[in-house]
């Protein structure tokens, strides 16, 4: 089988495509023929040795796939050969075939195609866990989503609407904000890219307060970090919840903790991957709710482009440059 390999840390151009042996499923594992593999921001970080997980070299990046089960290891009962599934791998997904523990595969609803399936679980799972389990978002509350046109951000916009919130989407271009409006955003904020000076930070804070009647956001969903975090935290309502989801802007912010004291607000970490392993029963409940909402048409994953395996460097560079709206996926060239 063909696999995209990281044999040395560095930029996407260092990745290579090679023939490697097809893996054999062991006890409790399944072999999946990969039809589509989503590209996520952690894929950019992991090949540069900047991610919290550091698989030994060489490895394939790629944390989520969709495909067909082609072989079962001993004792597998959750799926059978021929089943269409989503696979959550952490890494290893940029390959034509992939072995996973059966606990890490999820059946695909009949209404969902392979490309959509590969782009669904990580973003919607992360954002659903963030808003439901960590923020306890309530109907009628003001939800501010930073980086709202990205994968997890756009999922948060849709989920916020499904949960009855008033959603304010913030992004760096008008075309990104248009996508947010198409997916349910009630209000939008255009902010500049890159580092923000003090005036730009204050302008962002003031705009958030203006759109919330001077009260501030009840929940802030922040997958961006950098200079945007403090500006948004300053615009958090009394007893608000500030969700730390990621740091797509690069720098990990160092915020003044007196802001949490003055606002009586919570700064809450979101680590969906750890949650799925530590609380599998709650994860399965959340997954059922997400699939129900998809079938009801409340969730409409936005895949802006598909790439061939040979275009993996371009796909990852587009992701790193924050050019992506919604999700992008790789499709093996069989």
C-alpha atoms as a PDB file:
ATOM      1  CA  UNK A   1       0.000   0.000   0.000  1.00  0.00           C
ATOM      2  CA  UNK A   2       1.018   3.641  -0.411  1.00  0.00           C
ATOM      3  CA  UNK A   3       1.549   5.862   2.616  1.00  0.00           C
ATOM      4  CA  UNK A   4       2.555   9.486   3.145  1.00  0.00           C
ATOM      5  CA  UNK A   5       5.528   9.346   5.518  1.00  0.00           C
ATOM      6  CA  UNK A   6       7.260  11.803   7.803  1.00  0.00           C
ATOM      7  CA  UNK A   7      10.818  10.446   7.925  1.00  0.00           C
ATOM      8  CA  UNK A   8      12.357  13.626   9.322  1.00  0.00           C
ATOM      9  CA  UNK A   9      10.748  16.575  11.074  1.00  0.00           C
ATOM     10  CA  UNK A  10      10.220  19.694   9.031  1.00  0.00           C
ATOM     11  CA  UNK A  11       7.861  21.436   6.604  1.00  0.00           C
ATOM     12  CA  UNK A  12       5.314  19.554   4.474  1.00  0.00           C
ATOM     13  CA  UNK A  13       7.716  19.424   1.528  1.00  0.00           C
ATOM     14  CA  UNK A  14       9.796  16.864   3.456  1.00  0.00           C
ATOM     15  CA  UNK A  15       6.972  14.315   3.387  1.00  0.00           C
ATOM     16  CA  UNK A  16       7.401  11.383   0.993  1.00  0.00           C
ATOM     17  CA  UNK A  17       5.036   8.820  -0.520  1.00  0.00           C
ATOM     18  CA  UNK A  18       6.311   5.253  -0.359  1.00  0.00           C
ATOM     19  CA  UNK A  19       5.112   1.685  -0.663  1.00  0.00           C
ATOM     20  CA  UNK A  20       4.890   0.052   2.762  1.00  0.00           C
ATOM     21  CA  UNK A  21       3.528  -3.328   3.921  1.00  0.00           C
ATOM     22  CA  UNK A  22      -0.184  -3.559   4.635  1.00  0.00           C
ATOM     23  CA  UNK A  23      -0.591  -3.786   8.424  1.00  0.00           C
ATOM     24  CA  UNK A  24      -2.229  -6.830  10.023  1.00  0.00           C
ATOM     25  CA  UNK A  25      -4.999  -6.321  12.564  1.00  0.00           C
ATOM     26  CA  UNK A  26      -4.260  -7.888  15.953  1.00  0.00           C
ATOM     27  CA  UNK A  27      -6.719  -8.886  18.653  1.00  0.00           C
ATOM     28  CA  UNK A  28      -9.464  -6.268  18.965  1.00  0.00           C
ATOM     29  CA  UNK A  29      -8.346  -4.406  15.825  1.00  0.00           C
ATOM     30  CA  UNK A  30      -9.729  -3.833  12.333  1.00  0.00           C
ATOM     31  CA  UNK A  31      -8.111  -3.081   8.975  1.00  0.00           C
ATOM     32  CA  UNK A  32      -9.654  -0.164   7.089  1.00  0.00           C
ATOM     33  CA  UNK A  33      -9.328   0.610   3.383  1.00  0.00           C
ATOM     34  CA  UNK A  34      -9.080   4.408   3.504  1.00  0.00           C
ATOM     35  CA  UNK A  35     -11.363   6.305   1.111  1.00  0.00           C
ATOM     36  CA  UNK A  36     -10.828   9.799   2.548  1.00  0.00           C
ATOM     37  CA  UNK A  37      -8.533  11.374   5.149  1.00  0.00           C
ATOM     38  CA  UNK A  38      -9.246  14.769   6.693  1.00  0.00           C
ATOM     39  CA  UNK A  39      -6.493  17.336   7.140  1.00  0.00           C
ATOM     40  CA  UNK A  40      -6.398  19.104  10.511  1.00  0.00           C
ATOM     41  CA  UNK A  41      -4.134  21.695  12.104  1.00  0.00           C
ATOM     42  CA  UNK A  42      -2.468  19.094  14.383  1.00  0.00           C
ATOM     43  CA  UNK A  43      -1.166  17.420  11.215  1.00  0.00           C
ATOM     44  CA  UNK A  44       0.855  20.572  10.530  1.00  0.00           C
ATOM     45  CA  UNK A  45       2.263  20.558  14.057  1.00  0.00           C
ATOM     46  CA  UNK A  46       3.036  16.839  14.363  1.00  0.00           C
ATOM     47  CA  UNK A  47       5.339  16.723  11.313  1.00  0.00           C
ATOM     48  CA  UNK A  48       7.319  19.646  12.756  1.00  0.00           C
ATOM     49  CA  UNK A  49       7.624  17.997  16.199  1.00  0.00           C
ATOM     50  CA  UNK A  50       5.491  20.748  17.768  1.00  0.00           C
ATOM     51  CA  UNK A  51       2.527  18.634  18.880  1.00  0.00           C
ATOM     52  CA  UNK A  52       1.890  17.100  22.312  1.00  0.00           C
ATOM     53  CA  UNK A  53       1.997  13.607  20.780  1.00  0.00           C
ATOM     54  CA  UNK A  54       5.318  12.571  19.252  1.00  0.00           C
ATOM     55  CA  UNK A  55       5.132   9.263  17.362  1.00  0.00           C
ATOM     56  CA  UNK A  56       8.465   7.625  16.494  1.00  0.00           C
ATOM     57  CA  UNK A  57       9.860   8.255  13.019  1.00  0.00           C
ATOM     58  CA  UNK A  58       8.889   7.327  10.390  1.00  0.00           C
ATOM     59  CA  UNK A  59       5.126   7.792  10.708  1.00  0.00           C
ATOM     60  CA  UNK A  60       2.158   8.935   8.659  1.00  0.00           C
ATOM     61  CA  UNK A  61       0.273  12.013   9.840  1.00  0.00           C
ATOM     62  CA  UNK A  62      -3.520  12.063   9.628  1.00  0.00           C
ATOM     63  CA  UNK A  63      -5.859  11.840  12.596  1.00  0.00           C
ATOM     64  CA  UNK A  64      -9.217  10.926  11.056  1.00  0.00           C
ATOM     65  CA  UNK A  65     -10.273   8.830   8.095  1.00  0.00           C
ATOM     66  CA  UNK A  66     -13.283   7.193   6.526  1.00  0.00           C
ATOM     67  CA  UNK A  67     -13.359   3.914   4.654  1.00  0.00           C
ATOM     68  CA  UNK A  68     -14.416   0.275   4.598  1.00  0.00           C
ATOM     69  CA  UNK A  69     -13.516  -2.487   7.038  1.00  0.00           C
ATOM     70  CA  UNK A  70     -11.661  -5.175   5.079  1.00  0.00           C
ATOM     71  CA  UNK A  71     -10.302  -7.474   7.798  1.00  0.00           C
ATOM     72  CA  UNK A  72     -10.993  -8.230  11.455  1.00  0.00           C
ATOM     73  CA  UNK A  73      -8.654  -9.197  14.247  1.00  0.00           C
ATOM     74  CA  UNK A  74      -9.603 -11.771  16.850  1.00  0.00           C
ATOM     75  CA  UNK A  75     -12.538 -10.898  19.068  1.00  0.00           C
ATOM     76  CA  UNK A  76     -13.913  -7.912  17.131  1.00  0.00           C
ATOM     77  CA  UNK A  77     -17.674  -7.551  17.631  1.00  0.00           C
ATOM     78  CA  UNK A  78     -18.435  -3.870  17.010  1.00  0.00           C
ATOM     79  CA  UNK A  79     -18.143  -3.983  13.193  1.00  0.00           C
ATOM     80  CA  UNK A  80     -17.915  -6.535  10.396  1.00  0.00           C
ATOM     81  CA  UNK A  81     -16.118  -6.749   7.058  1.00  0.00           C
ATOM     82  CA  UNK A  82     -17.744  -4.407   4.543  1.00  0.00           C
ATOM     83  CA  UNK A  83     -18.924  -1.838   7.098  1.00  0.00           C
ATOM     84  CA  UNK A  84     -18.421   1.836   6.273  1.00  0.00           C
ATOM     85  CA  UNK A  85     -16.678   3.535   9.189  1.00  0.00           C
ATOM     86  CA  UNK A  86     -15.029   6.667  10.522  1.00  0.00           C
ATOM     87  CA  UNK A  87     -11.652   6.036  12.137  1.00  0.00           C
ATOM     88  CA  UNK A  88     -10.001   8.218  14.791  1.00  0.00           C
ATOM     89  CA  UNK A  89      -6.289   7.531  14.645  1.00  0.00           C
ATOM     90  CA  UNK A  90      -4.330  10.449  16.111  1.00  0.00           C
ATOM     91  CA  UNK A  91      -1.811   9.789  13.338  1.00  0.00           C
ATOM     92  CA  UNK A  92      -1.343   7.184  10.619  1.00  0.00           C
ATOM     93  CA  UNK A  93      -4.354   8.163   8.519  1.00  0.00           C
ATOM     94  CA  UNK A  94      -2.529   9.436   5.437  1.00  0.00           C
ATOM     95  CA  UNK A  95      -2.230   5.933   4.015  1.00  0.00           C
ATOM     96  CA  UNK A  96      -4.259   3.647   1.770  1.00  0.00           C
ATOM     97  CA  UNK A  97      -4.878   1.239   4.652  1.00  0.00           C
ATOM     98  CA  UNK A  98      -4.933   1.663   8.411  1.00  0.00           C
ATOM     99  CA  UNK A  99      -5.258  -0.596  11.454  1.00  0.00           C
ATOM    100  CA  UNK A 100      -7.221   0.696  14.458  1.00  0.00           C
ATOM    101  CA  UNK A 101      -8.632  -0.681  17.675  1.00  0.00           C
ATOM    102  CA  UNK A 102     -12.329  -1.357  17.192  1.00  0.00           C
ATOM    103  CA  UNK A 103     -13.109   1.168  19.941  1.00  0.00           C
ATOM    104  CA  UNK A 104     -11.725   3.891  17.651  1.00  0.00           C
ATOM    105  CA  UNK A 105     -14.091   3.229  14.739  1.00  0.00           C
ATOM    106  CA  UNK A 106     -17.628   4.529  14.306  1.00  0.00           C
ATOM    107  CA  UNK A 107     -20.200   3.351  11.752  1.00  0.00           C
ATOM    108  CA  UNK A 108     -21.070   5.890   9.054  1.00  0.00           C
ATOM    109  CA  UNK A 109     -24.767   6.741   8.658  1.00  0.00           C
ATOM    110  CA  UNK A 110     -26.227   5.884   5.281  1.00  0.00           C
ATOM    111  CA  UNK A 111     -26.882   9.587   4.632  1.00  0.00           C
ATOM    112  CA  UNK A 112     -23.171  10.478   4.937  1.00  0.00           C
ATOM    113  CA  UNK A 113     -20.600  10.132   2.129  1.00  0.00           C
ATOM    114  CA  UNK A 114     -16.934   9.252   2.707  1.00  0.00           C
ATOM    115  CA  UNK A 115     -15.554  12.779   2.294  1.00  0.00           C
ATOM    116  CA  UNK A 116     -18.066  14.239   4.743  1.00  0.00           C
ATOM    117  CA  UNK A 117     -17.495  11.358   7.163  1.00  0.00           C
ATOM    118  CA  UNK A 118     -13.739  11.888   7.326  1.00  0.00           C
ATOM    119  CA  UNK A 119     -14.281  15.583   8.045  1.00  0.00           C
ATOM    120  CA  UNK A 120     -16.909  15.133  10.740  1.00  0.00           C
ATOM    121  CA  UNK A 121     -15.817  13.534  13.966  1.00  0.00           C
ATOM    122  CA  UNK A 122     -12.787  15.496  15.183  1.00  0.00           C
ATOM    123  CA  UNK A 123     -14.165  18.988  14.587  1.00  0.00           C
ATOM    124  CA  UNK A 124     -17.735  18.369  15.659  1.00  0.00           C
ATOM    125  CA  UNK A 125     -16.621  16.104  18.512  1.00  0.00           C
ATOM    126  CA  UNK A 126     -14.226  18.754  19.834  1.00  0.00           C
ATOM    127  CA  UNK A 127     -16.712  21.612  19.556  1.00  0.00           C
ATOM    128  CA  UNK A 128     -19.634  19.614  20.958  1.00  0.00           C
ATOM    129  CA  UNK A 129     -17.568  18.514  23.983  1.00  0.00           C
ATOM    130  CA  UNK A 130     -16.407  22.105  24.458  1.00  0.00           C
ATOM    131  CA  UNK A 131     -19.832  23.713  24.344  1.00  0.00           C
ATOM    132  CA  UNK A 132     -21.830  20.969  26.073  1.00  0.00           C
ATOM    133  CA  UNK A 133     -19.499  19.428  28.654  1.00  0.00           C
ATOM    134  CA  UNK A 134     -17.036  22.237  29.387  1.00  0.00           C
ATOM    135  CA  UNK A 135     -19.029  25.461  28.872  1.00  0.00           C
ATOM    136  CA  UNK A 136     -22.534  24.134  29.630  1.00  0.00           C
ATOM    137  CA  UNK A 137     -23.851  26.496  26.955  1.00  0.00           C
ATOM    138  CA  UNK A 138     -27.466  27.525  27.550  1.00  0.00           C
ATOM    139  CA  UNK A 139     -30.163  28.650  25.090  1.00  0.00           C
ATOM    140  CA  UNK A 140     -30.175  32.414  24.653  1.00  0.00           C
ATOM    141  CA  UNK A 141     -26.559  32.926  25.709  1.00  0.00           C
ATOM    142  CA  UNK A 142     -24.077  34.875  23.577  1.00  0.00           C
ATOM    143  CA  UNK A 143     -21.403  32.594  22.088  1.00  0.00           C
ATOM    144  CA  UNK A 144     -18.315  34.201  20.535  1.00  0.00           C
ATOM    145  CA  UNK A 145     -16.357  31.944  18.159  1.00  0.00           C
ATOM    146  CA  UNK A 146     -12.844  33.019  17.178  1.00  0.00           C
ATOM    147  CA  UNK A 147     -11.377  31.502  14.013  1.00  0.00           C
ATOM    148  CA  UNK A 148     -14.979  30.821  13.116  1.00  0.00           C
ATOM    149  CA  UNK A 149     -14.415  29.759   9.489  1.00  0.00           C
ATOM    150  CA  UNK A 150     -11.931  27.019  10.366  1.00  0.00           C
ATOM    151  CA  UNK A 151     -12.819  23.391  10.968  1.00  0.00           C
ATOM    152  CA  UNK A 152     -13.581  23.449  14.695  1.00  0.00           C
ATOM    153  CA  UNK A 153     -14.766  27.058  14.510  1.00  0.00           C
ATOM    154  CA  UNK A 154     -17.417  26.449  11.870  1.00  0.00           C
ATOM    155  CA  UNK A 155     -18.535  23.348  13.763  1.00  0.00           C
ATOM    156  CA  UNK A 156     -18.884  25.525  16.890  1.00  0.00           C
ATOM    157  CA  UNK A 157     -21.019  28.016  14.945  1.00  0.00           C
ATOM    158  CA  UNK A 158     -23.426  25.281  13.825  1.00  0.00           C
ATOM    159  CA  UNK A 159     -23.494  23.573  17.212  1.00  0.00           C
ATOM    160  CA  UNK A 160     -24.060  26.854  19.012  1.00  0.00           C
ATOM    161  CA  UNK A 161     -27.130  27.464  16.872  1.00  0.00           C
ATOM    162  CA  UNK A 162     -28.350  23.889  17.396  1.00  0.00           C
ATOM    163  CA  UNK A 163     -28.043  24.461  21.150  1.00  0.00           C
ATOM    164  CA  UNK A 164     -30.042  27.691  21.026  1.00  0.00           C
ATOM    165  CA  UNK A 165     -27.283  30.274  21.481  1.00  0.00           C
ATOM    166  CA  UNK A 166     -26.849  33.617  19.754  1.00  0.00           C
ATOM    167  CA  UNK A 167     -23.646  33.116  17.768  1.00  0.00           C
ATOM    168  CA  UNK A 168     -21.083  35.828  17.015  1.00  0.00           C
ATOM    169  CA  UNK A 169     -18.512  34.595  14.484  1.00  0.00           C
ATOM    170  CA  UNK A 170     -15.115  36.293  14.236  1.00  0.00           C
ATOM    171  CA  UNK A 171     -12.715  35.688  11.350  1.00  0.00           C
ATOM    172  CA  UNK A 172     -10.043  37.411   9.280  1.00  0.00           C
ATOM    173  CA  UNK A 173     -11.724  37.966   5.899  1.00  0.00           C
ATOM    174  CA  UNK A 174     -15.132  38.801   4.462  1.00  0.00           C
ATOM    175  CA  UNK A 175     -15.315  35.576   2.441  1.00  0.00           C
ATOM    176  CA  UNK A 176     -14.732  33.581   5.639  1.00  0.00           C
ATOM    177  CA  UNK A 177     -17.443  35.546   7.423  1.00  0.00           C
ATOM    178  CA  UNK A 178     -19.829  34.855   4.560  1.00  0.00           C
ATOM    179  CA  UNK A 179     -19.326  31.111   5.100  1.00  0.00           C
ATOM    180  CA  UNK A 180     -20.062  31.644   8.803  1.00  0.00           C
ATOM    181  CA  UNK A 181     -23.311  33.438   7.988  1.00  0.00           C
ATOM    182  CA  UNK A 182     -24.301  30.621   5.638  1.00  0.00           C
ATOM    183  CA  UNK A 183     -23.832  28.206   8.545  1.00  0.00           C
ATOM    184  CA  UNK A 184     -25.945  30.159  10.996  1.00  0.00           C
ATOM    185  CA  UNK A 185     -23.901  32.977  12.544  1.00  0.00           C
ATOM    186  CA  UNK A 186     -26.150  35.768  13.861  1.00  0.00           C
ATOM    187  CA  UNK A 187     -23.425  38.432  13.932  1.00  0.00           C
ATOM    188  CA  UNK A 188     -19.893  38.633  12.532  1.00  0.00           C
ATOM    189  CA  UNK A 189     -16.671  40.428  13.403  1.00  0.00           C
ATOM    190  CA  UNK A 190     -13.837  41.051  10.948  1.00  0.00           C
ATOM    191  CA  UNK A 191     -10.455  41.164  12.664  1.00  0.00           C
ATOM    192  CA  UNK A 192      -6.945  41.633  11.205  1.00  0.00           C
ATOM    193  CA  UNK A 193      -4.534  38.741  10.732  1.00  0.00           C
ATOM    194  CA  UNK A 194      -1.219  38.386  12.494  1.00  0.00           C
ATOM    195  CA  UNK A 195      -0.167  40.198  15.643  1.00  0.00           C
ATOM    196  CA  UNK A 196      -2.556  42.788  17.043  1.00  0.00           C
ATOM    197  CA  UNK A 197      -1.358  46.064  18.524  1.00  0.00           C
ATOM    198  CA  UNK A 198      -3.039  47.485  21.623  1.00  0.00           C
ATOM    199  CA  UNK A 199      -5.474  49.601  19.594  1.00  0.00           C
ATOM    200  CA  UNK A 200      -6.523  46.593  17.499  1.00  0.00           C
ATOM    201  CA  UNK A 201      -6.989  44.475  20.626  1.00  0.00           C
ATOM    202  CA  UNK A 202      -9.136  47.183  22.204  1.00  0.00           C
ATOM    203  CA  UNK A 203     -11.183  47.521  19.013  1.00  0.00           C
ATOM    204  CA  UNK A 204     -11.906  43.781  19.081  1.00  0.00           C
ATOM    205  CA  UNK A 205     -12.904  43.930  22.751  1.00  0.00           C
ATOM    206  CA  UNK A 206     -15.148  46.941  22.141  1.00  0.00           C
ATOM    207  CA  UNK A 207     -16.852  45.318  19.156  1.00  0.00           C
ATOM    208  CA  UNK A 208     -17.652  42.166  21.131  1.00  0.00           C
ATOM    209  CA  UNK A 209     -19.146  44.258  23.922  1.00  0.00           C
ATOM    210  CA  UNK A 210     -21.113  46.334  21.416  1.00  0.00           C
ATOM    211  CA  UNK A 211     -22.676  43.208  19.872  1.00  0.00           C
ATOM    212  CA  UNK A 212     -23.634  41.887  23.322  1.00  0.00           C
ATOM    213  CA  UNK A 213     -25.294  45.042  24.621  1.00  0.00           C
ATOM    214  CA  UNK A 214     -22.287  45.943  26.732  1.00  0.00           C
ATOM    215  CA  UNK A 215     -22.421  42.681  28.702  1.00  0.00           C
ATOM    216  CA  UNK A 216     -19.765  40.651  26.911  1.00  0.00           C
ATOM    217  CA  UNK A 217     -19.847  37.077  25.633  1.00  0.00           C
ATOM    218  CA  UNK A 218     -21.196  34.378  27.935  1.00  0.00           C
ATOM    219  CA  UNK A 219     -18.990  31.777  26.237  1.00  0.00           C
ATOM    220  CA  UNK A 220     -15.819  32.379  24.220  1.00  0.00           C
ATOM    221  CA  UNK A 221     -14.625  29.558  21.957  1.00  0.00           C
ATOM    222  CA  UNK A 222     -10.933  30.170  21.231  1.00  0.00           C
ATOM    223  CA  UNK A 223      -8.987  27.862  18.896  1.00  0.00           C
ATOM    224  CA  UNK A 224      -6.724  30.749  17.820  1.00  0.00           C
ATOM    225  CA  UNK A 225      -4.689  32.000  20.794  1.00  0.00           C
ATOM    226  CA  UNK A 226      -2.087  34.693  20.210  1.00  0.00           C
ATOM    227  CA  UNK A 227      -3.137  38.315  20.713  1.00  0.00           C
ATOM    228  CA  UNK A 228      -6.810  37.478  20.177  1.00  0.00           C
ATOM    229  CA  UNK A 229      -7.230  35.646  23.471  1.00  0.00           C
ATOM    230  CA  UNK A 230      -6.743  38.537  25.887  1.00  0.00           C
ATOM    231  CA  UNK A 231      -8.947  40.816  23.792  1.00  0.00           C
ATOM    232  CA  UNK A 232     -11.750  38.244  23.912  1.00  0.00           C
ATOM    233  CA  UNK A 233     -11.227  37.496  27.614  1.00  0.00           C
ATOM    234  CA  UNK A 234     -11.620  41.212  28.355  1.00  0.00           C
ATOM    235  CA  UNK A 235     -14.994  41.020  26.593  1.00  0.00           C
ATOM    236  CA  UNK A 236     -16.258  38.053  28.628  1.00  0.00           C
ATOM    237  CA  UNK A 237     -19.457  38.477  30.634  1.00  0.00           C
ATOM    238  CA  UNK A 238     -19.754  38.039  34.403  1.00  0.00           C
ATOM    239  CA  UNK A 239     -19.506  34.292  35.128  1.00  0.00           C
ATOM    240  CA  UNK A 240     -18.573  33.704  31.498  1.00  0.00           C
ATOM    241  CA  UNK A 241     -16.649  30.653  30.290  1.00  0.00           C
ATOM    242  CA  UNK A 242     -13.521  31.062  28.179  1.00  0.00           C
ATOM    243  CA  UNK A 243     -12.735  27.852  26.276  1.00  0.00           C
ATOM    244  CA  UNK A 244      -9.080  27.150  25.493  1.00  0.00           C
ATOM    245  CA  UNK A 245      -9.253  24.975  22.366  1.00  0.00           C
ATOM    246  CA  UNK A 246      -5.990  25.590  20.491  1.00  0.00           C
ATOM    247  CA  UNK A 247      -3.369  28.020  19.266  1.00  0.00           C
ATOM    248  CA  UNK A 248      -3.666  28.298  15.483  1.00  0.00           C
ATOM    249  CA  UNK A 249      -2.136  31.784  15.561  1.00  0.00           C
ATOM    250  CA  UNK A 250       1.089  30.291  16.912  1.00  0.00           C
ATOM    251  CA  UNK A 251       1.978  31.925  20.248  1.00  0.00           C
ATOM    252  CA  UNK A 252       0.447  30.523  23.427  1.00  0.00           C
ATOM    253  CA  UNK A 253      -1.003  33.598  25.168  1.00  0.00           C
ATOM    254  CA  UNK A 254      -0.104  34.656  28.698  1.00  0.00           C
ATOM    255  CA  UNK A 255      -3.253  36.371  29.941  1.00  0.00           C
ATOM    256  CA  UNK A 256      -3.551  38.539  33.071  1.00  0.00           C
ATOM    257  CA  UNK A 257      -5.317  36.282  35.579  1.00  0.00           C
ATOM    258  CA  UNK A 258      -6.831  39.259  37.377  1.00  0.00           C
ATOM    259  CA  UNK A 259      -9.334  39.357  34.504  1.00  0.00           C
ATOM    260  CA  UNK A 260     -10.747  36.010  35.644  1.00  0.00           C
ATOM    261  CA  UNK A 261     -11.043  37.369  39.171  1.00  0.00           C
ATOM    262  CA  UNK A 262     -12.723  40.632  38.149  1.00  0.00           C
ATOM    263  CA  UNK A 263     -15.239  38.902  35.883  1.00  0.00           C
ATOM    264  CA  UNK A 264     -15.865  35.851  38.048  1.00  0.00           C
ATOM    265  CA  UNK A 265     -15.289  33.876  34.855  1.00  0.00           C
ATOM    266  CA  UNK A 266     -13.816  30.467  34.165  1.00  0.00           C
ATOM    267  CA  UNK A 267     -10.868  29.682  31.882  1.00  0.00           C
ATOM    268  CA  UNK A 268     -11.596  26.127  30.786  1.00  0.00           C
ATOM    269  CA  UNK A 269      -9.353  23.709  28.899  1.00  0.00           C
ATOM    270  CA  UNK A 270     -10.769  21.545  26.101  1.00  0.00           C
ATOM    271  CA  UNK A 271      -8.973  18.280  25.259  1.00  0.00           C
ATOM    272  CA  UNK A 272     -11.440  16.152  23.321  1.00  0.00           C
ATOM    273  CA  UNK A 273      -8.966  13.367  22.558  1.00  0.00           C
ATOM    274  CA  UNK A 274      -8.279  12.747  26.250  1.00  0.00           C
ATOM    275  CA  UNK A 275     -12.002  12.996  27.024  1.00  0.00           C
ATOM    276  CA  UNK A 276     -12.881  10.199  24.570  1.00  0.00           C
ATOM    277  CA  UNK A 277     -10.423   7.859  26.283  1.00  0.00           C
ATOM    278  CA  UNK A 278     -11.205   8.814  29.878  1.00  0.00           C
ATOM    279  CA  UNK A 279     -14.987   8.947  29.530  1.00  0.00           C
ATOM    280  CA  UNK A 280     -15.956   6.596  26.677  1.00  0.00           C
ATOM    281  CA  UNK A 281     -19.594   6.269  27.754  1.00  0.00           C
ATOM    282  CA  UNK A 282     -20.173  10.039  27.682  1.00  0.00           C
ATOM    283  CA  UNK A 283     -18.324  10.219  24.366  1.00  0.00           C
ATOM    284  CA  UNK A 284     -20.700   7.657  22.869  1.00  0.00           C
ATOM    285  CA  UNK A 285     -23.701   9.651  24.145  1.00  0.00           C
ATOM    286  CA  UNK A 286     -22.303  12.780  22.522  1.00  0.00           C
ATOM    287  CA  UNK A 287     -21.647  10.906  19.293  1.00  0.00           C
ATOM    288  CA  UNK A 288     -25.261   9.719  19.129  1.00  0.00           C
ATOM    289  CA  UNK A 289     -26.466  13.281  19.569  1.00  0.00           C
ATOM    290  CA  UNK A 290     -24.152  14.541  16.817  1.00  0.00           C
ATOM    291  CA  UNK A 291     -25.301  11.870  14.373  1.00  0.00           C
ATOM    292  CA  UNK A 292     -28.938  12.664  15.181  1.00  0.00           C
ATOM    293  CA  UNK A 293     -28.381  16.356  14.513  1.00  0.00           C
ATOM    294  CA  UNK A 294     -26.616  15.497  11.235  1.00  0.00           C
ATOM    295  CA  UNK A 295     -29.566  13.377  10.102  1.00  0.00           C
ATOM    296  CA  UNK A 296     -31.924  16.225  11.054  1.00  0.00           C
ATOM    297  CA  UNK A 297     -29.943  18.652   8.874  1.00  0.00           C
ATOM    298  CA  UNK A 298     -28.752  20.819  11.775  1.00  0.00           C
ATOM    299  CA  UNK A 299     -25.093  20.073  10.973  1.00  0.00           C
ATOM    300  CA  UNK A 300     -23.731  20.610   7.466  1.00  0.00           C
ATOM    301  CA  UNK A 301     -19.981  19.924   7.314  1.00  0.00           C
ATOM    302  CA  UNK A 302     -18.282  22.315   4.898  1.00  0.00           C
ATOM    303  CA  UNK A 303     -15.501  20.679   2.869  1.00  0.00           C
ATOM    304  CA  UNK A 304     -13.969  23.433   0.774  1.00  0.00           C
ATOM    305  CA  UNK A 305     -11.551  21.254  -1.221  1.00  0.00           C
ATOM    306  CA  UNK A 306     -10.277  17.711  -1.757  1.00  0.00           C
ATOM    307  CA  UNK A 307      -6.636  16.941  -2.604  1.00  0.00           C
ATOM    308  CA  UNK A 308      -4.877  13.895  -4.030  1.00  0.00           C
ATOM    309  CA  UNK A 309      -2.233  12.198  -1.865  1.00  0.00           C
ATOM    310  CA  UNK A 310       0.394  13.710  -4.172  1.00  0.00           C
ATOM    311  CA  UNK A 311      -0.856  17.182  -3.178  1.00  0.00           C
ATOM    312  CA  UNK A 312      -0.366  16.653   0.547  1.00  0.00           C
ATOM    313  CA  UNK A 313       2.264  19.410   0.879  1.00  0.00           C
ATOM    314  CA  UNK A 314      -0.068  21.958  -0.684  1.00  0.00           C
ATOM    315  CA  UNK A 315      -2.922  20.837   1.563  1.00  0.00           C
ATOM    316  CA  UNK A 316      -0.852  21.200   4.728  1.00  0.00           C
ATOM    317  CA  UNK A 317       0.583  24.533   3.605  1.00  0.00           C
ATOM    318  CA  UNK A 318      -2.927  25.823   2.921  1.00  0.00           C
ATOM    319  CA  UNK A 319      -3.911  24.724   6.414  1.00  0.00           C
ATOM    320  CA  UNK A 320      -0.843  26.361   7.989  1.00  0.00           C
ATOM    321  CA  UNK A 321      -1.507  29.615   6.100  1.00  0.00           C
ATOM    322  CA  UNK A 322      -5.104  29.642   7.397  1.00  0.00           C
ATOM    323  CA  UNK A 323      -6.489  29.648   3.863  1.00  0.00           C
ATOM    324  CA  UNK A 324      -8.949  26.852   4.603  1.00  0.00           C
ATOM    325  CA  UNK A 325     -12.657  27.434   5.132  1.00  0.00           C
ATOM    326  CA  UNK A 326     -14.257  24.547   6.987  1.00  0.00           C
ATOM    327  CA  UNK A 327     -12.365  21.328   6.219  1.00  0.00           C
ATOM    328  CA  UNK A 328     -10.117  19.907   3.518  1.00  0.00           C
ATOM    329  CA  UNK A 329      -9.475  16.204   2.853  1.00  0.00           C
ATOM    330  CA  UNK A 330      -7.022  13.924   1.064  1.00  0.00           C
ATOM    331  CA  UNK A 331      -8.322  11.227  -1.246  1.00  0.00           C
ATOM    332  CA  UNK A 332      -6.053   8.269  -2.198  1.00  0.00           C
ATOM    333  CA  UNK A 333      -5.345   7.974  -5.933  1.00  0.00           C
ATOM    334  CA  UNK A 334      -6.327   4.373  -6.594  1.00  0.00           C
END
